[in-house]
Amino acid sequence: MSASEDRAQPVTGTTEIYLVTGDRHRVDGDLKSVERTILDAARGSIMQLAWFIDADTRDDLAVNPEHVVSLRAARPTTPD
């Protein structure tokens, strides 16, 4: 990776990932970039996970691409 790739990129949106278990996760990234990450993991080696940053907790989140049911662009949350 180049030095410019190592720098944190600004987040352009938030996407909701829905899984077969009924769980929903909000992750950093626009709909197209999240879709690309999931597709890349699905085409990778056996049991390759798609890695994201949870938009609410800022924790790392790994998703099995075979368990993804749908994606949706998340609406911005408003502070209370």
N, C-alpha and C. Protein backbone atom coordinates (compact mmCIF):
# COMPACT_ATOMS: atom_id res chain seq x y z
N MET A 1 0.82 -1.19 0.00
CA MET A 1 0.00 0.00 0.00
C MET A 1 0.86 1.24 0.00
N SER A 2 0.34 2.26 -0.64
CA SER A 2 1.07 3.52 -0.64
C SER A 2 0.74 4.29 0.62
N ALA A 3 1.51 5.33 0.88
CA ALA A 3 1.27 6.14 2.08
C ALA A 3 -0.11 6.77 2.04
N SER A 4 -0.57 7.17 0.86
CA SER A 4 -1.90 7.78 0.77
C SER A 4 -3.00 6.77 1.06
N GLU A 5 -2.77 5.49 0.74
CA GLU A 5 -3.76 4.45 1.03
C GLU A 5 -3.80 4.11 2.51
N ASP A 6 -2.67 4.31 3.21
CA ASP A 6 -2.61 4.02 4.64
C ASP A 6 -3.39 5.04 5.47
N ARG A 7 -3.53 6.25 4.95
CA ARG A 7 -4.24 7.28 5.69
C ARG A 7 -5.72 6.97 5.74
N ALA A 8 -6.35 7.34 6.84
CA ALA A 8 -7.80 7.13 6.97
C ALA A 8 -8.53 7.95 5.93
N GLN A 9 -9.43 7.31 5.23
CA GLN A 9 -10.24 7.98 4.23
C GLN A 9 -11.52 8.48 4.89
N PRO A 10 -12.05 9.61 4.45
CA PRO A 10 -13.29 10.09 5.04
C PRO A 10 -14.44 9.15 4.71
N VAL A 11 -15.32 8.95 5.68
CA VAL A 11 -16.47 8.09 5.48
C VAL A 11 -17.51 8.86 4.69
N THR A 12 -18.01 8.25 3.63
CA THR A 12 -18.95 8.94 2.77
C THR A 12 -20.39 8.53 3.04
N GLY A 13 -20.60 7.58 3.92
CA GLY A 13 -21.95 7.14 4.21
C GLY A 13 -21.96 5.98 5.18
N THR A 14 -23.15 5.52 5.46
CA THR A 14 -23.34 4.38 6.35
C THR A 14 -24.29 3.41 5.66
N THR A 15 -24.01 2.13 5.80
CA THR A 15 -24.83 1.10 5.16
C THR A 15 -25.29 0.11 6.21
N GLU A 16 -26.52 -0.35 6.07
CA GLU A 16 -27.06 -1.39 6.95
C GLU A 16 -26.92 -2.73 6.24
N ILE A 17 -26.36 -3.71 6.97
CA ILE A 17 -26.21 -5.07 6.46
C ILE A 17 -27.20 -5.95 7.22
N TYR A 18 -28.05 -6.66 6.50
CA TYR A 18 -29.01 -7.58 7.11
C TYR A 18 -28.54 -9.01 6.87
N LEU A 19 -28.54 -9.82 7.93
CA LEU A 19 -28.04 -11.19 7.86
C LEU A 19 -29.20 -12.19 7.96
N VAL A 20 -28.94 -13.44 7.58
CA VAL A 20 -29.96 -14.49 7.63
C VAL A 20 -30.46 -14.73 9.06
N THR A 21 -29.68 -14.37 10.04
CA THR A 21 -30.07 -14.55 11.44
C THR A 21 -31.07 -13.51 11.90
N GLY A 22 -31.29 -12.49 11.07
CA GLY A 22 -32.17 -11.39 11.45
C GLY A 22 -31.41 -10.22 12.04
N ASP A 23 -30.10 -10.40 12.28
CA ASP A 23 -29.29 -9.31 12.82
C ASP A 23 -29.11 -8.23 11.76
N ARG A 24 -28.98 -6.99 12.25
CA ARG A 24 -28.72 -5.85 11.38
C ARG A 24 -27.50 -5.12 11.92
N HIS A 25 -26.59 -4.77 11.05
CA HIS A 25 -25.38 -4.04 11.44
C HIS A 25 -25.27 -2.79 10.60
N ARG A 26 -24.96 -1.66 11.26
CA ARG A 26 -24.67 -0.39 10.57
C ARG A 26 -23.15 -0.27 10.48
N VAL A 27 -22.66 -0.14 9.26
CA VAL A 27 -21.21 -0.06 9.05
C VAL A 27 -20.86 1.20 8.28
N ASP A 28 -19.61 1.63 8.46
CA ASP A 28 -19.10 2.77 7.71
C ASP A 28 -18.92 2.37 6.24
N GLY A 29 -19.28 3.26 5.35
CA GLY A 29 -19.09 3.03 3.93
C GLY A 29 -20.38 3.19 3.17
N ASP A 30 -20.26 3.70 1.95
CA ASP A 30 -21.45 3.83 1.13
C ASP A 30 -21.87 2.46 0.61
N LEU A 31 -23.07 2.39 0.09
CA LEU A 31 -23.67 1.13 -0.34
C LEU A 31 -22.79 0.37 -1.33
N LYS A 32 -22.26 1.07 -2.31
CA LYS A 32 -21.45 0.41 -3.34
C LYS A 32 -20.13 -0.13 -2.80
N SER A 33 -19.48 0.60 -1.89
CA SER A 33 -18.20 0.11 -1.35
C SER A 33 -18.42 -1.08 -0.42
N VAL A 34 -19.51 -1.07 0.33
CA VAL A 34 -19.83 -2.22 1.20
C VAL A 34 -20.15 -3.44 0.34
N GLU A 35 -20.94 -3.23 -0.71
CA GLU A 35 -21.25 -4.33 -1.62
C GLU A 35 -19.96 -4.92 -2.21
N ARG A 36 -19.06 -4.05 -2.63
CA ARG A 36 -17.80 -4.51 -3.24
C ARG A 36 -16.98 -5.32 -2.24
N THR A 37 -16.91 -4.89 -0.99
CA THR A 37 -16.16 -5.61 0.04
C THR A 37 -16.75 -7.01 0.25
N ILE A 38 -18.08 -7.09 0.29
CA ILE A 38 -18.74 -8.39 0.48
C ILE A 38 -18.50 -9.30 -0.72
N LEU A 39 -18.63 -8.76 -1.92
CA LEU A 39 -18.40 -9.57 -3.12
C LEU A 39 -16.95 -10.03 -3.21
N ASP A 40 -16.01 -9.17 -2.88
CA ASP A 40 -14.60 -9.55 -2.89
C ASP A 40 -14.33 -10.69 -1.91
N ALA A 41 -14.92 -10.61 -0.71
CA ALA A 41 -14.75 -11.67 0.28
C ALA A 41 -15.38 -12.97 -0.21
N ALA A 42 -16.54 -12.88 -0.84
CA ALA A 42 -17.22 -14.08 -1.34
C ALA A 42 -16.42 -14.76 -2.44
N ARG A 43 -15.70 -13.98 -3.21
CA ARG A 43 -14.90 -14.54 -4.31
C ARG A 43 -13.50 -14.95 -3.85
N GLY A 44 -13.17 -14.64 -2.61
CA GLY A 44 -11.84 -14.95 -2.08
C GLY A 44 -11.73 -16.40 -1.65
N SER A 45 -10.80 -16.64 -0.77
CA SER A 45 -10.55 -17.99 -0.30
C SER A 45 -11.71 -18.47 0.58
N ILE A 46 -11.74 -19.77 0.82
CA ILE A 46 -12.80 -20.35 1.64
C ILE A 46 -12.79 -19.69 3.02
N MET A 47 -13.97 -19.33 3.49
CA MET A 47 -14.17 -18.70 4.80
C MET A 47 -13.53 -17.33 4.93
N GLN A 48 -13.35 -16.63 3.83
CA GLN A 48 -12.86 -15.26 3.91
C GLN A 48 -14.02 -14.38 4.37
N LEU A 49 -13.76 -13.53 5.34
CA LEU A 49 -14.78 -12.65 5.89
C LEU A 49 -14.66 -11.25 5.30
N ALA A 50 -15.76 -10.53 5.30
CA ALA A 50 -15.76 -9.13 4.89
C ALA A 50 -15.62 -8.29 6.15
N TRP A 51 -14.63 -7.41 6.20
CA TRP A 51 -14.31 -6.63 7.40
C TRP A 51 -14.80 -5.20 7.25
N PHE A 52 -15.44 -4.70 8.33
CA PHE A 52 -15.99 -3.35 8.36
C PHE A 52 -15.73 -2.71 9.72
N ILE A 53 -16.07 -1.44 9.83
CA ILE A 53 -16.08 -0.72 11.09
C ILE A 53 -17.54 -0.46 11.46
N ASP A 54 -17.95 -0.92 12.64
CA ASP A 54 -19.31 -0.69 13.11
C ASP A 54 -19.53 0.81 13.27
N ALA A 55 -20.57 1.34 12.67
CA ALA A 55 -20.81 2.79 12.67
C ALA A 55 -21.20 3.31 14.05
N ASP A 56 -21.74 2.45 14.90
CA ASP A 56 -22.19 2.89 16.22
C ASP A 56 -21.12 2.73 17.29
N THR A 57 -20.44 1.58 17.31
CA THR A 57 -19.47 1.31 18.37
C THR A 57 -18.02 1.58 17.97
N ARG A 58 -17.77 1.71 16.66
CA ARG A 58 -16.43 1.90 16.10
C ARG A 58 -15.57 0.64 16.23
N ASP A 59 -16.17 -0.50 16.56
CA ASP A 59 -15.45 -1.76 16.67
C ASP A 59 -15.31 -2.40 15.29
N ASP A 60 -14.29 -3.27 15.15
CA ASP A 60 -14.16 -4.06 13.93
C ASP A 60 -15.31 -5.05 13.86
N LEU A 61 -15.80 -5.30 12.66
CA LEU A 61 -16.90 -6.24 12.46
C LEU A 61 -16.57 -7.10 11.24
N ALA A 62 -16.62 -8.41 11.43
CA ALA A 62 -16.39 -9.35 10.33
C ALA A 62 -17.70 -10.04 10.00
N VAL A 63 -18.01 -10.08 8.71
CA VAL A 63 -19.27 -10.65 8.25
C VAL A 63 -18.98 -11.77 7.27
N ASN A 64 -19.65 -12.92 7.46
CA ASN A 64 -19.56 -14.00 6.50
C ASN A 64 -20.42 -13.61 5.30
N PRO A 65 -19.84 -13.47 4.11
CA PRO A 65 -20.62 -13.00 2.96
C PRO A 65 -21.78 -13.93 2.60
N GLU A 66 -21.69 -15.20 2.96
CA GLU A 66 -22.77 -16.14 2.65
C GLU A 66 -24.00 -15.90 3.51
N HIS A 67 -23.88 -15.11 4.57
CA HIS A 67 -25.00 -14.86 5.48
C HIS A 67 -25.70 -13.53 5.21
N VAL A 68 -25.21 -12.77 4.23
CA VAL A 68 -25.80 -11.47 3.93
C VAL A 68 -27.08 -11.67 3.11
N VAL A 69 -28.16 -11.07 3.60
CA VAL A 69 -29.44 -11.14 2.90
C VAL A 69 -29.66 -9.89 2.07
N SER A 70 -29.39 -8.72 2.66
CA SER A 70 -29.61 -7.48 1.91
C SER A 70 -28.76 -6.36 2.49
N LEU A 71 -28.64 -5.31 1.68
CA LEU A 71 -27.93 -4.09 2.07
C LEU A 71 -28.88 -2.92 1.84
N ARG A 72 -28.72 -1.90 2.66
CA ARG A 72 -29.53 -0.69 2.48
C ARG A 72 -28.72 0.51 2.95
N ALA A 73 -28.75 1.58 2.18
CA ALA A 73 -28.11 2.81 2.61
C ALA A 73 -28.82 3.29 3.86
N ALA A 74 -28.06 3.58 4.90
CA ALA A 74 -28.65 4.00 6.18
C ALA A 74 -28.90 5.49 6.17
N ARG A 75 -29.97 5.86 6.82
CA ARG A 75 -30.26 7.28 7.00
C ARG A 75 -29.39 7.80 8.12
N PRO A 76 -28.95 9.03 8.02
CA PRO A 76 -28.14 9.60 9.11
C PRO A 76 -28.93 9.64 10.41
N THR A 77 -28.24 9.34 11.49
CA THR A 77 -28.89 9.42 12.79
C THR A 77 -28.79 10.84 13.31
N THR A 78 -29.82 11.29 14.02
CA THR A 78 -29.80 12.62 14.58
C THR A 78 -29.49 12.52 16.06
N PRO A 79 -28.64 13.40 16.58
CA PRO A 79 -28.32 13.34 18.01
C PRO A 79 -29.54 13.67 18.84
N ASP A 80 -29.66 13.03 19.99
CA ASP A 80 -30.80 13.28 20.90
C ASP A 80 -30.68 14.58 21.61
